[in-house]
Amino acid sequence: MTDTPKRKKTGGGPKKAPPGYYRAKEAQERLGMTPSAFSYYVRQGRIKKHVPPMRVEGFYEKKEIDLLANEMALFLHTHAPEEVTSTEVRPALPVDTEGIVHVLAVMGWQTTTPEQRESWYAVNPFIDFVALLHGEVMGYIHAVPYTEQALEDIMSGVRRSWHMTPQDILAYEPGRSYDLYVGIATRQDIPQHTQRFGFRLLSGFISFLEELATQGITIRRMYAVSAEEDGQKLCKDLGFIEQPAQPGDLFPRFMLDLETSNAHFARVYRTALHRIN
């Protein structure tokens, strides 16, 4: 009597996640959580589980998990208080320009007009990144890939933001790297405005830079100037290095080299690039 060969079992391995999603184990590892902690937050609804029709296994949207991971990393680094979970963070749209101008107007700062910002967006629609609460702009990050001359002009104070034209701004192109001039502002009339909305802006901004990287667009260095003590402290907290003053400078200069800096923000960005590549 001969033995009947046993059929090999198929389909026993882990199912591959749909495009744009993590499996549970992948999401758990991305967040650096134990299995029990991950399961707890899923049950509480703090981590969203997506179950496709006719499927049993749930998956986790990469964009949501990556944003949460960045928030956790920045939280541990800055010791920021609990974020406003209902705050939306995204690239600005033309409809947001009046809210952006209002953020600075409340502080008494001279700034651009909404129409100026809209003209910039026609060249590069990804130069402002906003935090919105119930649809109202609470703060924003301005991150512009200027031409070389325009960058030097604004760093030195020869020209200010309201002097910049669409011709000074570069459009993002896949396969290229850029230097950014950056600034951040949050509503001064909101309690704990910097901690609540600045934290959300920074974590969302890192996720936005990750999205650019998926298109082959990377950032080399970020530049900033600030006359305010709070702004200078934020630069230093994020790892920006104060640069030597140049003749005629109006404000101290700062630079963060995302390719070489050991600053936490830069390391989080490079980790994201490594994961993408």
C-alpha atoms as a PDB file:
ATOM      1  CA  MET A   1       0.000   0.000   0.000  1.00  0.00           C
ATOM      2  CA  THR A   2       1.497   3.295  -1.053  1.00  0.00           C
ATOM      3  CA  ASP A   3       1.082   6.495   0.859  1.00  0.00           C
ATOM      4  CA  THR A   4      -1.002   9.146  -0.816  1.00  0.00           C
ATOM      5  CA  PRO A   5       1.041  12.325  -1.107  1.00  0.00           C
ATOM      6  CA  LYS A   6      -0.268  15.062   1.155  1.00  0.00           C
ATOM      7  CA  ARG A   7      -1.315  18.250  -0.498  1.00  0.00           C
ATOM      8  CA  LYS A   8       0.683  21.285   0.471  1.00  0.00           C
ATOM      9  CA  LYS A   9      -1.281  23.907   2.279  1.00  0.00           C
ATOM     10  CA  THR A  10      -1.553  27.185   0.460  1.00  0.00           C
ATOM     11  CA  GLY A  11      -2.553  30.622   1.569  1.00  0.00           C
ATOM     12  CA  GLY A  12      -1.251  30.109   5.088  1.00  0.00           C
ATOM     13  CA  GLY A  13       1.218  32.981   4.972  1.00  0.00           C
ATOM     14  CA  PRO A  14       0.420  36.553   5.943  1.00  0.00           C
ATOM     15  CA  LYS A  15      -1.694  38.455   3.475  1.00  0.00           C
ATOM     16  CA  LYS A  16      -0.052  41.407   1.789  1.00  0.00           C
ATOM     17  CA  ALA A  17      -1.550  44.771   2.644  1.00  0.00           C
ATOM     18  CA  PRO A  18      -3.310  46.731  -0.120  1.00  0.00           C
ATOM     19  CA  PRO A  19      -1.310  49.635  -1.604  1.00  0.00           C
ATOM     20  CA  GLY A  20      -1.100  52.526   0.855  1.00  0.00           C
ATOM     21  CA  TYR A  21      -1.731  50.366   3.924  1.00  0.00           C
ATOM     22  CA  TYR A  22       0.248  48.519   6.603  1.00  0.00           C
ATOM     23  CA  ARG A  23      -0.550  45.130   8.069  1.00  0.00           C
ATOM     24  CA  ALA A  24      -1.029  45.148  11.852  1.00  0.00           C
ATOM     25  CA  LYS A  25       2.505  43.950  12.605  1.00  0.00           C
ATOM     26  CA  GLU A  26       4.004  46.522  10.228  1.00  0.00           C
ATOM     27  CA  ALA A  27       1.983  49.360  11.787  1.00  0.00           C
ATOM     28  CA  GLN A  28       2.896  48.215  15.293  1.00  0.00           C
ATOM     29  CA  GLU A  29       6.606  48.172  14.427  1.00  0.00           C
ATOM     30  CA  ARG A  30       6.388  51.553  12.693  1.00  0.00           C
ATOM     31  CA  LEU A  31       4.931  53.026  15.883  1.00  0.00           C
ATOM     32  CA  GLY A  32       7.396  51.222  18.133  1.00  0.00           C
ATOM     33  CA  MET A  33       4.589  49.771  20.266  1.00  0.00           C
ATOM     34  CA  THR A  34       4.231  46.439  21.986  1.00  0.00           C
ATOM     35  CA  PRO A  35       1.487  44.178  20.565  1.00  0.00           C
ATOM     36  CA  SER A  36      -0.679  44.730  23.650  1.00  0.00           C
ATOM     37  CA  ALA A  37      -0.339  48.531  23.514  1.00  0.00           C
ATOM     38  CA  PHE A  38      -1.104  48.549  19.793  1.00  0.00           C
ATOM     39  CA  SER A  39      -4.203  46.374  20.291  1.00  0.00           C
ATOM     40  CA  TYR A  40      -5.379  48.622  23.119  1.00  0.00           C
ATOM     41  CA  TYR A  41      -5.214  51.790  21.002  1.00  0.00           C
ATOM     42  CA  VAL A  42      -6.983  50.014  18.131  1.00  0.00           C
ATOM     43  CA  ARG A  43      -9.809  48.977  20.484  1.00  0.00           C
ATOM     44  CA  GLN A  44     -10.035  52.538  21.809  1.00  0.00           C
ATOM     45  CA  GLY A  45     -10.300  53.872  18.266  1.00  0.00           C
ATOM     46  CA  ARG A  46      -7.122  55.952  18.627  1.00  0.00           C
ATOM     47  CA  ILE A  47      -5.584  53.931  15.798  1.00  0.00           C
ATOM     48  CA  LYS A  48      -8.009  53.408  12.920  1.00  0.00           C
ATOM     49  CA  LYS A  49      -8.454  49.899  11.579  1.00  0.00           C
ATOM     50  CA  HIS A  50      -9.744  49.530   8.015  1.00  0.00           C
ATOM     51  CA  VAL A  51     -11.386  46.216   7.084  1.00  0.00           C
ATOM     52  CA  PRO A  52     -12.077  45.832   3.324  1.00  0.00           C
ATOM     53  CA  PRO A  53     -15.390  44.288   2.239  1.00  0.00           C
ATOM     54  CA  MET A  54     -15.425  40.477   2.295  1.00  0.00           C
ATOM     55  CA  ARG A  55     -12.222  40.453   4.359  1.00  0.00           C
ATOM     56  CA  VAL A  56     -11.538  39.587   7.992  1.00  0.00           C
ATOM     57  CA  GLU A  57      -8.060  41.016   8.479  1.00  0.00           C
ATOM     58  CA  GLY A  58      -7.832  44.762   9.062  1.00  0.00           C
ATOM     59  CA  PHE A  59      -5.232  47.120   7.637  1.00  0.00           C
ATOM     60  CA  TYR A  60      -3.886  50.518   8.678  1.00  0.00           C
ATOM     61  CA  GLU A  61      -3.513  53.484   6.352  1.00  0.00           C
ATOM     62  CA  LYS A  62       0.165  54.348   5.904  1.00  0.00           C
ATOM     63  CA  LYS A  63      -0.441  58.092   5.885  1.00  0.00           C
ATOM     64  CA  GLU A  64      -2.238  57.938   9.245  1.00  0.00           C
ATOM     65  CA  ILE A  65       0.343  55.642  10.852  1.00  0.00           C
ATOM     66  CA  ASP A  66       3.314  57.629   9.544  1.00  0.00           C
ATOM     67  CA  LEU A  67       1.833  60.899  10.817  1.00  0.00           C
ATOM     68  CA  LEU A  68       1.213  59.359  14.244  1.00  0.00           C
ATOM     69  CA  ALA A  69       4.759  57.974  14.346  1.00  0.00           C
ATOM     70  CA  ASN A  70       6.190  61.404  13.548  1.00  0.00           C
ATOM     71  CA  GLU A  71       4.033  63.016  16.216  1.00  0.00           C
ATOM     72  CA  MET A  72       5.218  60.499  18.785  1.00  0.00           C
ATOM     73  CA  ALA A  73       8.859  61.057  17.835  1.00  0.00           C
ATOM     74  CA  LEU A  74       8.541  64.829  18.104  1.00  0.00           C
ATOM     75  CA  PHE A  75       6.524  64.570  21.315  1.00  0.00           C
ATOM     76  CA  LEU A  76       9.257  62.576  23.017  1.00  0.00           C
ATOM     77  CA  HIS A  77      11.865  65.053  21.798  1.00  0.00           C
ATOM     78  CA  THR A  78      10.089  68.320  22.661  1.00  0.00           C
ATOM     79  CA  HIS A  79       8.007  67.160  25.675  1.00  0.00           C
ATOM     80  CA  ALA A  80       5.078  69.004  24.160  1.00  0.00           C
ATOM     81  CA  PRO A  81       1.673  68.713  25.883  1.00  0.00           C
ATOM     82  CA  GLU A  82      -1.082  66.609  24.347  1.00  0.00           C
ATOM     83  CA  GLU A  83      -1.898  67.800  20.837  1.00  0.00           C
ATOM     84  CA  VAL A  84      -5.259  68.962  19.578  1.00  0.00           C
ATOM     85  CA  THR A  85      -6.384  65.772  17.894  1.00  0.00           C
ATOM     86  CA  SER A  86      -9.139  67.500  15.929  1.00  0.00           C
ATOM     87  CA  THR A  87      -6.646  69.811  14.217  1.00  0.00           C
ATOM     88  CA  GLU A  88      -6.314  69.237  10.469  1.00  0.00           C
ATOM     89  CA  VAL A  89      -2.882  69.713   8.927  1.00  0.00           C
ATOM     90  CA  ARG A  90      -2.383  69.966   5.157  1.00  0.00           C
ATOM     91  CA  PRO A  91      -0.863  72.083   2.371  1.00  0.00           C
ATOM     92  CA  ALA A  92      -2.620  75.442   2.121  1.00  0.00           C
ATOM     93  CA  LEU A  93      -5.232  76.160  -0.528  1.00  0.00           C
ATOM     94  CA  PRO A  94      -6.155  79.557  -1.999  1.00  0.00           C
ATOM     95  CA  VAL A  95      -9.148  79.606   0.355  1.00  0.00           C
ATOM     96  CA  ASP A  96      -6.734  79.598   3.317  1.00  0.00           C
ATOM     97  CA  THR A  97      -4.783  82.731   2.339  1.00  0.00           C
ATOM     98  CA  GLU A  98      -6.954  85.184   4.294  1.00  0.00           C
ATOM     99  CA  GLY A  99      -6.581  83.023   7.412  1.00  0.00           C
ATOM    100  CA  ILE A 100      -2.797  82.917   6.977  1.00  0.00           C
ATOM    101  CA  VAL A 101      -2.628  86.701   6.660  1.00  0.00           C
ATOM    102  CA  HIS A 102      -4.842  87.027   9.764  1.00  0.00           C
ATOM    103  CA  VAL A 103      -2.411  84.938  11.852  1.00  0.00           C
ATOM    104  CA  LEU A 104       0.308  87.544  11.292  1.00  0.00           C
ATOM    105  CA  ALA A 105      -2.018  90.570  11.330  1.00  0.00           C
ATOM    106  CA  VAL A 106      -3.105  89.653  14.879  1.00  0.00           C
ATOM    107  CA  MET A 107       0.576  89.850  15.872  1.00  0.00           C
ATOM    108  CA  GLY A 108       0.877  93.298  14.303  1.00  0.00           C
ATOM    109  CA  TRP A 109       3.333  92.129  11.639  1.00  0.00           C
ATOM    110  CA  GLN A 110       3.426  93.455   8.114  1.00  0.00           C
ATOM    111  CA  THR A 111       2.886  90.659   5.642  1.00  0.00           C
ATOM    112  CA  THR A 112       1.689  89.768   2.178  1.00  0.00           C
ATOM    113  CA  THR A 113      -1.814  90.120   0.818  1.00  0.00           C
ATOM    114  CA  PRO A 114      -3.975  87.057   0.110  1.00  0.00           C
ATOM    115  CA  GLU A 115      -3.698  87.873  -3.599  1.00  0.00           C
ATOM    116  CA  GLN A 116       0.124  87.764  -3.416  1.00  0.00           C
ATOM    117  CA  ARG A 117       0.076  84.335  -1.823  1.00  0.00           C
ATOM    118  CA  GLU A 118      -2.347  83.045  -4.441  1.00  0.00           C
ATOM    119  CA  SER A 119       0.036  84.243  -7.177  1.00  0.00           C
ATOM    120  CA  TRP A 120       2.821  82.222  -5.509  1.00  0.00           C
ATOM    121  CA  TYR A 121       0.613  79.127  -5.374  1.00  0.00           C
ATOM    122  CA  ALA A 122       0.200  79.342  -9.132  1.00  0.00           C
ATOM    123  CA  VAL A 123       3.926  78.547  -9.418  1.00  0.00           C
ATOM    124  CA  ASN A 124       4.237  76.140  -6.475  1.00  0.00           C
ATOM    125  CA  PRO A 125       1.079  75.145  -4.562  1.00  0.00           C
ATOM    126  CA  PHE A 126       3.080  73.521  -1.737  1.00  0.00           C
ATOM    127  CA  ILE A 127       4.824  76.451  -0.056  1.00  0.00           C
ATOM    128  CA  ASP A 128       2.417  76.992   2.868  1.00  0.00           C
ATOM    129  CA  PHE A 129       1.353  74.252   5.280  1.00  0.00           C
ATOM    130  CA  VAL A 130      -1.555  75.032   7.616  1.00  0.00           C
ATOM    131  CA  ALA A 131      -3.085  73.812  10.855  1.00  0.00           C
ATOM    132  CA  LEU A 132      -6.862  74.260  10.925  1.00  0.00           C
ATOM    133  CA  LEU A 133      -9.283  73.871  13.795  1.00  0.00           C
ATOM    134  CA  HIS A 134     -12.943  73.733  12.718  1.00  0.00           C
ATOM    135  CA  GLY A 135     -11.833  75.099   9.341  1.00  0.00           C
ATOM    136  CA  GLU A 136     -10.070  78.162  10.796  1.00  0.00           C
ATOM    137  CA  VAL A 137      -6.311  78.687  10.295  1.00  0.00           C
ATOM    138  CA  MET A 138      -4.543  78.368  13.651  1.00  0.00           C
ATOM    139  CA  GLY A 139      -1.009  78.526  12.299  1.00  0.00           C
ATOM    140  CA  TYR A 140       1.138  77.767   9.317  1.00  0.00           C
ATOM    141  CA  ILE A 141       4.601  76.840   8.111  1.00  0.00           C
ATOM    142  CA  HIS A 142       5.988  78.811   5.179  1.00  0.00           C
ATOM    143  CA  ALA A 143       8.542  76.690   3.286  1.00  0.00           C
ATOM    144  CA  VAL A 144       9.664  78.093  -0.048  1.00  0.00           C
ATOM    145  CA  PRO A 145      12.189  76.823  -2.612  1.00  0.00           C
ATOM    146  CA  TYR A 146      13.473  80.217  -3.718  1.00  0.00           C
ATOM    147  CA  THR A 147      15.927  80.901  -6.512  1.00  0.00           C
ATOM    148  CA  GLU A 148      19.492  81.340  -5.236  1.00  0.00           C
ATOM    149  CA  GLN A 149      19.398  85.139  -5.476  1.00  0.00           C
ATOM    150  CA  ALA A 150      15.945  85.424  -3.897  1.00  0.00           C
ATOM    151  CA  LEU A 151      17.049  83.209  -0.989  1.00  0.00           C
ATOM    152  CA  GLU A 152      20.053  85.428  -0.302  1.00  0.00           C
ATOM    153  CA  ASP A 153      17.915  88.567  -0.567  1.00  0.00           C
ATOM    154  CA  ILE A 154      15.367  87.401   1.981  1.00  0.00           C
ATOM    155  CA  MET A 155      18.012  86.002   4.349  1.00  0.00           C
ATOM    156  CA  SER A 156      19.849  89.323   4.381  1.00  0.00           C
ATOM    157  CA  GLY A 157      16.684  91.403   4.633  1.00  0.00           C
ATOM    158  CA  VAL A 158      17.318  93.198   1.331  1.00  0.00           C
ATOM    159  CA  ARG A 159      13.820  92.026   0.444  1.00  0.00           C
ATOM    160  CA  ARG A 160      11.034  90.901   2.763  1.00  0.00           C
ATOM    161  CA  SER A 161       8.272  88.375   2.106  1.00  0.00           C
ATOM    162  CA  TRP A 162       5.909  91.001   0.690  1.00  0.00           C
ATOM    163  CA  HIS A 163       8.538  91.884  -1.922  1.00  0.00           C
ATOM    164  CA  MET A 164       8.786  88.356  -3.336  1.00  0.00           C
ATOM    165  CA  THR A 165       7.270  87.608  -6.737  1.00  0.00           C
ATOM    166  CA  PRO A 166       6.232  84.375  -8.498  1.00  0.00           C
ATOM    167  CA  GLN A 167       9.472  84.615 -10.516  1.00  0.00           C
ATOM    168  CA  ASP A 168      11.467  84.172  -7.275  1.00  0.00           C
ATOM    169  CA  ILE A 169       9.899  80.769  -6.545  1.00  0.00           C
ATOM    170  CA  LEU A 170      10.885  77.387  -7.951  1.00  0.00           C
ATOM    171  CA  ALA A 171       8.366  74.700  -8.858  1.00  0.00           C
ATOM    172  CA  TYR A 172       9.005  71.212  -7.489  1.00  0.00           C
ATOM    173  CA  GLU A 173      10.252  68.736 -10.085  1.00  0.00           C
ATOM    174  CA  PRO A 174      10.711  64.974  -9.511  1.00  0.00           C
ATOM    175  CA  GLY A 175      14.351  63.927  -9.270  1.00  0.00           C
ATOM    176  CA  ARG A 176      15.569  67.260  -7.871  1.00  0.00           C
ATOM    177  CA  SER A 177      16.702  68.455  -4.427  1.00  0.00           C
ATOM    178  CA  TYR A 178      15.925  71.858  -2.966  1.00  0.00           C
ATOM    179  CA  ASP A 179      16.853  74.287  -0.209  1.00  0.00           C
ATOM    180  CA  LEU A 180      13.916  75.863   1.631  1.00  0.00           C
ATOM    181  CA  TYR A 181      13.425  79.177   3.363  1.00  0.00           C
ATOM    182  CA  VAL A 182      11.125  78.423   6.297  1.00  0.00           C
ATOM    183  CA  GLY A 183       9.095  80.237   8.912  1.00  0.00           C
ATOM    184  CA  ILE A 184       6.376  79.222  11.368  1.00  0.00           C
ATOM    185  CA  ALA A 185       3.640  81.283  13.003  1.00  0.00           C
ATOM    186  CA  THR A 186       0.709  80.351  15.246  1.00  0.00           C
ATOM    187  CA  ARG A 187      -2.271  82.303  16.545  1.00  0.00           C
ATOM    188  CA  GLN A 188      -1.137  84.416  19.501  1.00  0.00           C
ATOM    189  CA  ASP A 189      -4.684  84.789  20.847  1.00  0.00           C
ATOM    190  CA  ILE A 190      -5.080  81.045  21.529  1.00  0.00           C
ATOM    191  CA  PRO A 191      -3.873  79.566  24.866  1.00  0.00           C
ATOM    192  CA  GLN A 192      -0.680  77.471  24.495  1.00  0.00           C
ATOM    193  CA  HIS A 193      -0.701  78.282  20.781  1.00  0.00           C
ATOM    194  CA  THR A 194       2.894  77.260  20.110  1.00  0.00           C
ATOM    195  CA  GLN A 195       2.683  73.921  21.890  1.00  0.00           C
ATOM    196  CA  ARG A 196      -0.762  72.986  20.603  1.00  0.00           C
ATOM    197  CA  PHE A 197      -0.500  73.990  16.968  1.00  0.00           C
ATOM    198  CA  GLY A 198       3.256  74.305  16.435  1.00  0.00           C
ATOM    199  CA  PHE A 199       3.659  70.666  17.458  1.00  0.00           C
ATOM    200  CA  ARG A 200       0.943  69.513  15.061  1.00  0.00           C
ATOM    201  CA  LEU A 201       2.372  71.640  12.264  1.00  0.00           C
ATOM    202  CA  LEU A 202       5.873  70.209  12.638  1.00  0.00           C
ATOM    203  CA  SER A 203       4.733  66.594  12.723  1.00  0.00           C
ATOM    204  CA  GLY A 204       2.438  67.122   9.745  1.00  0.00           C
ATOM    205  CA  PHE A 205       5.174  68.989   7.885  1.00  0.00           C
ATOM    206  CA  ILE A 206       7.539  66.024   8.222  1.00  0.00           C
ATOM    207  CA  SER A 207       4.836  63.791   6.751  1.00  0.00           C
ATOM    208  CA  PHE A 208       4.426  66.282   3.906  1.00  0.00           C
ATOM    209  CA  LEU A 209       8.183  66.160   3.214  1.00  0.00           C
ATOM    210  CA  GLU A 210       7.863  62.361   3.133  1.00  0.00           C
ATOM    211  CA  GLU A 211       5.152  62.668   0.485  1.00  0.00           C
ATOM    212  CA  LEU A 212       7.460  64.866  -1.590  1.00  0.00           C
ATOM    213  CA  ALA A 213      10.185  62.232  -1.242  1.00  0.00           C
ATOM    214  CA  THR A 214       7.890  59.568  -2.690  1.00  0.00           C
ATOM    215  CA  GLN A 215       7.831  61.745  -5.835  1.00  0.00           C
ATOM    216  CA  GLY A 216      11.631  61.939  -5.914  1.00  0.00           C
ATOM    217  CA  ILE A 217      11.689  65.464  -4.431  1.00  0.00           C
ATOM    218  CA  THR A 218      14.107  65.830  -1.523  1.00  0.00           C
ATOM    219  CA  ILE A 219      15.177  68.706   0.696  1.00  0.00           C
ATOM    220  CA  ARG A 220      18.866  69.395   1.388  1.00  0.00           C
ATOM    221  CA  ARG A 221      18.861  72.346   3.756  1.00  0.00           C
ATOM    222  CA  MET A 222      16.375  74.638   5.482  1.00  0.00           C
ATOM    223  CA  TYR A 223      17.132  78.289   6.181  1.00  0.00           C
ATOM    224  CA  ALA A 224      15.459  80.747   8.539  1.00  0.00           C
ATOM    225  CA  VAL A 225      15.887  84.190  10.077  1.00  0.00           C
ATOM    226  CA  SER A 226      14.325  85.505  13.258  1.00  0.00           C
ATOM    227  CA  ALA A 227      14.412  88.702  15.272  1.00  0.00           C
ATOM    228  CA  GLU A 228      12.235  87.226  18.036  1.00  0.00           C
ATOM    229  CA  GLU A 229      13.618  85.281  21.014  1.00  0.00           C
ATOM    230  CA  ASP A 230      10.871  82.648  20.679  1.00  0.00           C
ATOM    231  CA  GLY A 231      11.707  82.134  17.004  1.00  0.00           C
ATOM    232  CA  GLN A 232      15.427  81.858  17.677  1.00  0.00           C
ATOM    233  CA  LYS A 233      14.784  79.361  20.495  1.00  0.00           C
ATOM    234  CA  LEU A 234      12.569  77.245  18.216  1.00  0.00           C
ATOM    235  CA  CYS A 235      15.290  77.215  15.555  1.00  0.00           C
ATOM    236  CA  LYS A 236      17.839  76.014  18.084  1.00  0.00           C
ATOM    237  CA  ASP A 237      15.427  73.430  19.567  1.00  0.00           C
ATOM    238  CA  LEU A 238      14.955  71.954  16.093  1.00  0.00           C
ATOM    239  CA  GLY A 239      18.706  71.804  15.503  1.00  0.00           C
ATOM    240  CA  PHE A 240      19.189  74.854  13.295  1.00  0.00           C
ATOM    241  CA  ILE A 241      22.706  76.279  13.593  1.00  0.00           C
ATOM    242  CA  GLU A 242      23.184  80.034  13.763  1.00  0.00           C
ATOM    243  CA  GLN A 243      25.211  81.208  10.786  1.00  0.00           C
ATOM    244  CA  PRO A 244      27.845  83.972  10.641  1.00  0.00           C
ATOM    245  CA  ALA A 245      26.241  87.360  10.078  1.00  0.00           C
ATOM    246  CA  GLN A 246      26.776  88.983   6.697  1.00  0.00           C
ATOM    247  CA  PRO A 247      27.257  92.736   6.168  1.00  0.00           C
ATOM    248  CA  GLY A 248      23.893  94.469   6.186  1.00  0.00           C
ATOM    249  CA  ASP A 249      21.935  91.553   7.761  1.00  0.00           C
ATOM    250  CA  LEU A 250      18.788  92.650   9.590  1.00  0.00           C
ATOM    251  CA  PHE A 251      18.263  89.423  11.587  1.00  0.00           C
ATOM    252  CA  PRO A 252      20.261  86.410  12.816  1.00  0.00           C
ATOM    253  CA  ARG A 253      20.554  83.613  10.224  1.00  0.00           C
ATOM    254  CA  PHE A 254      19.943  79.914  10.921  1.00  0.00           C
ATOM    255  CA  MET A 255      20.456  76.754   8.844  1.00  0.00           C
ATOM    256  CA  LEU A 256      19.580  73.076   9.255  1.00  0.00           C
ATOM    257  CA  ASP A 257      21.398  70.595   7.006  1.00  0.00           C
ATOM    258  CA  LEU A 258      18.974  67.699   6.621  1.00  0.00           C
ATOM    259  CA  GLU A 259      21.635  65.542   4.962  1.00  0.00           C
ATOM    260  CA  THR A 260      24.242  65.679   7.740  1.00  0.00           C
ATOM    261  CA  SER A 261      22.796  67.178  10.927  1.00  0.00           C
ATOM    262  CA  ASN A 262      22.431  64.991  14.009  1.00  0.00           C
ATOM    263  CA  ALA A 263      19.416  67.069  15.108  1.00  0.00           C
ATOM    264  CA  HIS A 264      16.285  65.076  15.887  1.00  0.00           C
ATOM    265  CA  PHE A 265      14.209  66.704  13.124  1.00  0.00           C
ATOM    266  CA  ALA A 266      16.887  65.875  10.537  1.00  0.00           C
ATOM    267  CA  ARG A 267      17.233  62.276  11.760  1.00  0.00           C
ATOM    268  CA  VAL A 268      13.471  61.741  11.609  1.00  0.00           C
ATOM    269  CA  TYR A 269      13.512  63.028   8.025  1.00  0.00           C
ATOM    270  CA  ARG A 270      16.435  60.824   6.986  1.00  0.00           C
ATOM    271  CA  THR A 271      14.768  57.801   8.575  1.00  0.00           C
ATOM    272  CA  ALA A 272      11.681  58.514   6.458  1.00  0.00           C
ATOM    273  CA  LEU A 273      13.827  58.783   3.315  1.00  0.00           C
ATOM    274  CA  HIS A 274      15.526  55.473   4.108  1.00  0.00           C
ATOM    275  CA  ARG A 275      12.139  53.811   4.579  1.00  0.00           C
ATOM    276  CA  ILE A 276      10.851  55.199   1.275  1.00  0.00           C
ATOM    277  CA  ASN A 277      13.957  54.221  -0.661  1.00  0.00           C
END
